[in-house]
Amino acid sequence: MVMIAALPHGVLFTAPITVKFDGRGAGSFVPYSSDQSGAFATFPLAGDVIDVMKTAGRLTIEFESATSQRFTVDVPLNNFAAVYQKLSNSR
């Protein structure tokens, strides 16, 4: 399982995109492609990462633009565990 991040145009492809859960670092990845919609990157979601997501309250994605601006995107993870369980049961 992977998380796919769709990011805006201007993302610096040589700088890592970092992922944090409740402020704790979970890893980093780099964009692999771009098109007229923006840049795209994938982050692997191993079992231990999913376990963290089930208890975390917030996902934070940080990235840098080609003009060296830093951006932070916070995503609430409310009810992630319940939704993940429903998806797992529907397979």
Protein backbone atom coordinates (compact mmCIF):
# COMPACT_ATOMS: atom_id res chain seq x y z
CA MET A 1 0.00 0.00 0.00
CA VAL A 2 1.21 3.52 -0.79
CA MET A 3 0.11 7.07 -0.18
CA ILE A 4 0.13 9.21 -3.32
CA ALA A 5 0.76 12.91 -2.82
CA ALA A 6 -0.41 15.33 -5.52
CA LEU A 7 1.57 18.53 -5.06
CA PRO A 8 1.42 21.92 -6.79
CA HIS A 9 3.61 23.01 -9.67
CA GLY A 10 7.02 24.32 -8.64
CA VAL A 11 7.96 21.55 -6.20
CA LEU A 12 11.73 21.13 -6.02
CA PHE A 13 12.34 17.58 -7.27
CA THR A 14 15.78 17.32 -5.65
CA ALA A 15 14.58 18.14 -2.11
CA PRO A 16 12.93 15.44 0.00
CA ILE A 17 9.26 15.64 0.87
CA THR A 18 8.88 14.77 4.55
CA VAL A 19 6.01 12.99 6.26
CA LYS A 20 5.24 13.37 9.96
CA PHE A 21 2.53 12.01 12.23
CA ASP A 22 1.75 14.22 15.22
CA GLY A 23 5.07 16.00 14.68
CA ARG A 24 7.19 12.84 14.62
CA GLY A 25 9.08 12.09 11.43
CA ALA A 26 7.98 9.01 9.52
CA GLY A 27 10.19 9.30 6.47
CA SER A 28 10.72 11.14 3.25
CA PHE A 29 10.27 10.66 -0.47
CA VAL A 30 10.80 12.55 -3.72
CA PRO A 31 8.44 13.37 -6.61
CA TYR A 32 8.57 10.91 -9.48
CA SER A 33 6.47 12.66 -12.11
CA SER A 34 4.61 15.80 -13.05
CA ASP A 35 2.02 16.89 -15.56
CA GLN A 36 -0.40 19.78 -16.09
CA SER A 37 -2.00 18.94 -12.71
CA GLY A 38 1.20 19.23 -10.64
CA ALA A 39 3.83 16.89 -9.20
CA PHE A 40 3.26 13.39 -7.84
CA ALA A 41 5.10 11.34 -5.24
CA THR A 42 4.44 8.05 -3.45
CA PHE A 43 5.21 7.11 0.14
CA PRO A 44 5.11 3.41 1.11
CA LEU A 45 2.64 2.56 3.87
CA ALA A 46 4.08 -0.50 5.58
CA GLY A 47 2.15 -2.07 8.46
CA ASP A 48 4.03 -0.08 11.10
CA VAL A 49 3.20 3.22 9.36
CA ILE A 50 -0.48 2.30 9.14
CA ASP A 51 -0.46 1.43 12.85
CA VAL A 52 0.92 4.92 13.60
CA MET A 53 -1.74 6.50 11.37
CA LYS A 54 -4.49 4.69 13.30
CA THR A 55 -3.54 6.48 16.52
CA ALA A 56 -2.18 9.78 15.16
CA GLY A 57 -4.29 12.89 15.04
CA ARG A 58 -2.48 14.69 12.23
CA LEU A 59 -0.47 13.94 9.08
CA THR A 60 1.97 16.67 8.05
CA ILE A 61 3.59 16.84 4.62
CA GLU A 62 6.43 19.33 4.15
CA PHE A 63 8.05 20.23 0.84
CA GLU A 64 10.17 22.91 -0.79
CA SER A 65 9.52 24.92 -3.94
CA ALA A 66 12.00 25.65 -6.70
CA THR A 67 12.31 29.16 -5.20
CA SER A 68 13.32 27.68 -1.79
CA GLN A 69 9.99 28.39 -0.09
CA ARG A 70 9.00 25.76 2.50
CA PHE A 71 5.40 24.57 2.57
CA THR A 72 3.58 22.59 5.23
CA VAL A 73 0.28 20.79 4.67
CA ASP A 74 -1.56 19.43 7.71
CA VAL A 75 -4.19 16.73 7.22
CA PRO A 76 -6.39 15.59 10.12
CA LEU A 77 -6.54 11.82 10.61
CA ASN A 78 -9.86 11.81 12.48
CA ASN A 79 -11.53 8.40 12.20
CA PHE A 80 -8.68 6.97 10.10
CA ALA A 81 -8.69 3.70 12.09
CA ALA A 82 -12.42 3.16 11.56
CA VAL A 83 -12.30 3.97 7.86
CA TYR A 84 -9.23 1.76 7.36
CA GLN A 85 -11.04 -1.09 9.11
CA LYS A 86 -14.07 -0.68 6.83
CA LEU A 87 -11.87 -0.69 3.74
CA SER A 88 -9.99 -3.76 4.98
CA ASN A 89 -13.28 -5.61 5.58
CA SER A 90 -14.56 -4.80 2.09
CA ARG A 91 -11.74 -6.60 0.30
